[in-house]
Amino acid sequence: MLRDLSQKAGDLATTTGNSTGRTRNCKVGDVVIELGPEHVAAGRSQGFRRL
């Protein structure tokens, strides 16, 4: 659902549930959304975790 909504808004959604982040062996988070160029905060990203 997040991927569909982000694509409609011109943003990039990346599935990250199986990859580690900055913290070694930490896989917290399911999707990262990077804001597209038409946003004031273009290039910024936000992680989302499924509960």
PDB file of N, CA and C in Angstrom:
ATOM      1  N   MET A   1       0.816  -1.179   0.000  1.00  0.00           N
ATOM      2  CA  MET A   1       0.000   0.000   0.000  1.00  0.00           C
ATOM      3  C   MET A   1       0.872   1.260   0.000  1.00  0.00           C
ATOM      4  N   LEU A   2       1.927   1.278   0.802  1.00  0.00           N
ATOM      5  CA  LEU A   2       2.806   2.444   0.842  1.00  0.00           C
ATOM      6  C   LEU A   2       3.496   2.678  -0.492  1.00  0.00           C
ATOM      7  N   ARG A   3       3.872   1.592  -1.144  1.00  0.00           N
ATOM      8  CA  ARG A   3       4.538   1.720  -2.450  1.00  0.00           C
ATOM      9  C   ARG A   3       3.602   2.376  -3.468  1.00  0.00           C
ATOM     10  N   ASP A   4       2.347   1.945  -3.501  1.00  0.00           N
ATOM     11  CA  ASP A   4       1.370   2.521  -4.432  1.00  0.00           C
ATOM     12  C   ASP A   4       1.145   4.005  -4.152  1.00  0.00           C
ATOM     13  N   LEU A   5       0.968   4.345  -2.880  1.00  0.00           N
ATOM     14  CA  LEU A   5       0.738   5.747  -2.519  1.00  0.00           C
ATOM     15  C   LEU A   5       1.943   6.625  -2.844  1.00  0.00           C
ATOM     16  N   SER A   6       3.138   6.119  -2.587  1.00  0.00           N
ATOM     17  CA  SER A   6       4.331   6.925  -2.854  1.00  0.00           C
ATOM     18  C   SER A   6       4.539   7.130  -4.356  1.00  0.00           C
ATOM     19  N   GLN A   7       4.273   6.116  -5.157  1.00  0.00           N
ATOM     20  CA  GLN A   7       4.427   6.257  -6.603  1.00  0.00           C
ATOM     21  C   GLN A   7       3.461   7.289  -7.161  1.00  0.00           C
ATOM     22  N   LYS A   8       2.236   7.305  -6.653  1.00  0.00           N
ATOM     23  CA  LYS A   8       1.255   8.297  -7.105  1.00  0.00           C
ATOM     24  C   LYS A   8       1.684   9.711  -6.750  1.00  0.00           C
ATOM     25  N   ALA A   9       2.438   9.853  -5.664  1.00  0.00           N
ATOM     26  CA  ALA A   9       2.899  11.167  -5.221  1.00  0.00           C
ATOM     27  C   ALA A   9       4.235  11.549  -5.853  1.00  0.00           C
ATOM     28  N   GLY A  10       4.828  10.659  -6.657  1.00  0.00           N
ATOM     29  CA  GLY A  10       6.105  10.946  -7.297  1.00  0.00           C
ATOM     30  C   GLY A  10       7.307  10.661  -6.414  1.00  0.00           C
ATOM     31  N   ASP A  11       7.119   9.823  -5.392  1.00  0.00           N
ATOM     32  CA  ASP A  11       8.193   9.475  -4.472  1.00  0.00           C
ATOM     33  C   ASP A  11       8.710   8.071  -4.776  1.00  0.00           C
ATOM     34  N   LEU A  12       9.837   7.708  -4.161  1.00  0.00           N
ATOM     35  CA  LEU A  12      10.456   6.407  -4.391  1.00  0.00           C
ATOM     36  C   LEU A  12      10.365   5.564  -3.124  1.00  0.00           C
ATOM     37  N   ALA A  13       9.718   4.406  -3.209  1.00  0.00           N
ATOM     38  CA  ALA A  13       9.604   3.481  -2.076  1.00  0.00           C
ATOM     39  C   ALA A  13      10.548   2.308  -2.298  1.00  0.00           C
ATOM     40  N   THR A  14      11.344   1.993  -1.272  1.00  0.00           N
ATOM     41  CA  THR A  14      12.290   0.890  -1.339  1.00  0.00           C
ATOM     42  C   THR A  14      12.002  -0.084  -0.202  1.00  0.00           C
ATOM     43  N   THR A  15      11.814  -1.352  -0.530  1.00  0.00           N
ATOM     44  CA  THR A  15      11.603  -2.386   0.478  1.00  0.00           C
ATOM     45  C   THR A  15      12.937  -2.691   1.142  1.00  0.00           C
ATOM     46  N   THR A  16      12.977  -2.636   2.475  1.00  0.00           N
ATOM     47  CA  THR A  16      14.239  -2.806   3.195  1.00  0.00           C
ATOM     48  C   THR A  16      14.183  -3.881   4.269  1.00  0.00           C
ATOM     49  N   GLY A  17      13.119  -4.650   4.345  1.00  0.00           N
ATOM     50  CA  GLY A  17      12.944  -5.622   5.414  1.00  0.00           C
ATOM     51  C   GLY A  17      14.007  -6.699   5.507  1.00  0.00           C
ATOM     52  N   ASN A  18      14.688  -7.007   4.421  1.00  0.00           N
ATOM     53  CA  ASN A  18      15.694  -8.075   4.438  1.00  0.00           C
ATOM     54  C   ASN A  18      17.123  -7.561   4.381  1.00  0.00           C
ATOM     55  N   SER A  19      17.321  -6.256   4.483  1.00  0.00           N
ATOM     56  CA  SER A  19      18.676  -5.711   4.429  1.00  0.00           C
ATOM     57  C   SER A  19      19.005  -4.996   5.739  1.00  0.00           C
ATOM     58  N   THR A  20      20.284  -5.047   6.116  1.00  0.00           N
ATOM     59  CA  THR A  20      20.696  -4.398   7.353  1.00  0.00           C
ATOM     60  C   THR A  20      20.930  -2.914   7.124  1.00  0.00           C
ATOM     61  N   GLY A  21      20.752  -2.154   8.162  1.00  0.00           N
ATOM     62  CA  GLY A  21      20.942  -0.713   8.091  1.00  0.00           C
ATOM     63  C   GLY A  21      22.279  -0.299   8.654  1.00  0.00           C
ATOM     64  N   ARG A  22      22.333   0.895   9.224  1.00  0.00           N
ATOM     65  CA  ARG A  22      23.579   1.412   9.786  1.00  0.00           C
ATOM     66  C   ARG A  22      24.029   0.611  10.997  1.00  0.00           C
ATOM     67  N   THR A  23      23.064   0.103  11.773  1.00  0.00           N
ATOM     68  CA  THR A  23      23.398  -0.695  12.946  1.00  0.00           C
ATOM     69  C   THR A  23      23.626  -2.133  12.515  1.00  0.00           C
ATOM     70  N   ARG A  24      24.770  -2.681  12.835  1.00  0.00           N
ATOM     71  CA  ARG A  24      25.145  -4.026  12.405  1.00  0.00           C
ATOM     72  C   ARG A  24      24.093  -5.057  12.817  1.00  0.00           C
ATOM     73  N   ASN A  25      23.703  -5.907  11.884  1.00  0.00           N
ATOM     74  CA  ASN A  25      22.734  -6.993  12.079  1.00  0.00           C
ATOM     75  C   ASN A  25      21.335  -6.503  12.465  1.00  0.00           C
ATOM     76  N   CYS A  26      21.027  -5.251  12.268  1.00  0.00           N
ATOM     77  CA  CYS A  26      19.711  -4.701  12.612  1.00  0.00           C
ATOM     78  C   CYS A  26      18.863  -4.618  11.348  1.00  0.00           C
ATOM     79  N   LYS A  27      17.684  -5.238  11.379  1.00  0.00           N
ATOM     80  CA  LYS A  27      16.791  -5.250  10.226  1.00  0.00           C
ATOM     81  C   LYS A  27      15.441  -4.646  10.579  1.00  0.00           C
ATOM     82  N   VAL A  28      15.421  -3.599  11.389  1.00  0.00           N
ATOM     83  CA  VAL A  28      14.181  -2.942  11.775  1.00  0.00           C
ATOM     84  C   VAL A  28      13.746  -2.014  10.653  1.00  0.00           C
ATOM     85  N   GLY A  29      12.493  -2.122  10.234  1.00  0.00           N
ATOM     86  CA  GLY A  29      11.963  -1.285   9.162  1.00  0.00           C
ATOM     87  C   GLY A  29      11.614  -2.122   7.955  1.00  0.00           C
ATOM     88  N   ASP A  30      10.548  -1.762   7.287  1.00  0.00           N
ATOM     89  CA  ASP A  30      10.079  -2.529   6.138  1.00  0.00           C
ATOM     90  C   ASP A  30      10.181  -1.756   4.830  1.00  0.00           C
ATOM     91  N   VAL A  31       9.964  -0.447   4.891  1.00  0.00           N
ATOM     92  CA  VAL A  31       9.971   0.379   3.679  1.00  0.00           C
ATOM     93  C   VAL A  31      10.607   1.729   3.995  1.00  0.00           C
ATOM     94  N   VAL A  32      11.416   2.233   3.060  1.00  0.00           N
ATOM     95  CA  VAL A  32      11.947   3.589   3.147  1.00  0.00           C
ATOM     96  C   VAL A  32      11.390   4.355   1.958  1.00  0.00           C
ATOM     97  N   ILE A  33      10.815   5.525   2.219  1.00  0.00           N
ATOM     98  CA  ILE A  33      10.270   6.365   1.160  1.00  0.00           C
ATOM     99  C   ILE A  33      11.119   7.617   1.040  1.00  0.00           C
ATOM    100  N   GLU A  34      11.633   7.857  -0.174  1.00  0.00           N
ATOM    101  CA  GLU A  34      12.415   9.057  -0.457  1.00  0.00           C
ATOM    102  C   GLU A  34      11.536  10.023  -1.241  1.00  0.00           C
ATOM    103  N   LEU A  35      11.469  11.254  -0.769  1.00  0.00           N
ATOM    104  CA  LEU A  35      10.615  12.243  -1.412  1.00  0.00           C
ATOM    105  C   LEU A  35      11.176  12.663  -2.767  1.00  0.00           C
ATOM    106  N   GLY A  36      10.285  12.828  -3.725  1.00  0.00           N
ATOM    107  CA  GLY A  36      10.662  13.194  -5.088  1.00  0.00           C
ATOM    108  C   GLY A  36      11.040  14.660  -5.207  1.00  0.00           C
ATOM    109  N   PRO A  37      11.523  15.066  -6.384  1.00  0.00           N
ATOM    110  CA  PRO A  37      12.055  16.412  -6.604  1.00  0.00           C
ATOM    111  C   PRO A  37      11.025  17.536  -6.506  1.00  0.00           C
ATOM    112  N   GLU A  38       9.745  17.241  -6.579  1.00  0.00           N
ATOM    113  CA  GLU A  38       8.740  18.295  -6.521  1.00  0.00           C
ATOM    114  C   GLU A  38       8.399  18.711  -5.088  1.00  0.00           C
ATOM    115  N   HIS A  39       8.935  18.020  -4.099  1.00  0.00           N
ATOM    116  CA  HIS A  39       8.685  18.352  -2.695  1.00  0.00           C
ATOM    117  C   HIS A  39       9.702  19.370  -2.184  1.00  0.00           C
ATOM    118  N   VAL A  40       9.302  20.142  -1.195  1.00  0.00           N
ATOM    119  CA  VAL A  40      10.215  21.099  -0.568  1.00  0.00           C
ATOM    120  C   VAL A  40      11.390  20.366   0.064  1.00  0.00           C
ATOM    121  N   ALA A  41      11.139  19.210   0.620  1.00  0.00           N
ATOM    122  CA  ALA A  41      12.180  18.411   1.278  1.00  0.00           C
ATOM    123  C   ALA A  41      12.677  17.298   0.359  1.00  0.00           C
ATOM    124  N   ALA A  42      12.866  17.585  -0.910  1.00  0.00           N
ATOM    125  CA  ALA A  42      13.294  16.588  -1.896  1.00  0.00           C
ATOM    126  C   ALA A  42      14.568  15.887  -1.438  1.00  0.00           C
ATOM    127  N   GLY A  43      14.591  14.567  -1.630  1.00  0.00           N
ATOM    128  CA  GLY A  43      15.753  13.768  -1.282  1.00  0.00           C
ATOM    129  C   GLY A  43      15.748  13.258   0.149  1.00  0.00           C
ATOM    130  N   ARG A  44      14.896  13.799   0.990  1.00  0.00           N
ATOM    131  CA  ARG A  44      14.791  13.329   2.371  1.00  0.00           C
ATOM    132  C   ARG A  44      14.065  11.986   2.374  1.00  0.00           C
ATOM    133  N   SER A  45      14.325  11.171   3.373  1.00  0.00           N
ATOM    134  CA  SER A  45      13.686   9.856   3.430  1.00  0.00           C
ATOM    135  C   SER A  45      13.127   9.581   4.814  1.00  0.00           C
ATOM    136  N   GLN A  46      12.155   8.654   4.851  1.00  0.00           N
ATOM    137  CA  GLN A  46      11.502   8.264   6.086  1.00  0.00           C
ATOM    138  C   GLN A  46      11.293   6.762   6.056  1.00  0.00           C
ATOM    139  N   GLY A  47      11.629   6.088   7.133  1.00  0.00           N
ATOM    140  CA  GLY A  47      11.432   4.652   7.239  1.00  0.00           C
ATOM    141  C   GLY A  47      10.094   4.336   7.885  1.00  0.00           C
ATOM    142  N   PHE A  48       9.513   3.214   7.494  1.00  0.00           N
ATOM    143  CA  PHE A  48       8.235   2.760   8.037  1.00  0.00           C
ATOM    144  C   PHE A  48       8.359   1.303   8.440  1.00  0.00           C
ATOM    145  N   ARG A  49       7.739   0.968   9.550  1.00  0.00           N
ATOM    146  CA  ARG A  49       7.771  -0.402  10.045  1.00  0.00           C
ATOM    147  C   ARG A  49       6.348  -0.919  10.219  1.00  0.00           C
ATOM    148  N   ARG A  50       6.103  -2.109   9.748  1.00  0.00           N
ATOM    149  CA  ARG A  50       4.803  -2.743   9.878  1.00  0.00           C
ATOM    150  C   ARG A  50       4.626  -3.244  11.308  1.00  0.00           C
ATOM    151  N   LEU A  51       3.486  -2.956  11.900  1.00  0.00           N
ATOM    152  CA  LEU A  51       3.226  -3.404  13.274  1.00  0.00           C
ATOM    153  C   LEU A  51       2.340  -4.606  13.303  1.00  0.00           C
TER     154      LEU A  51
END
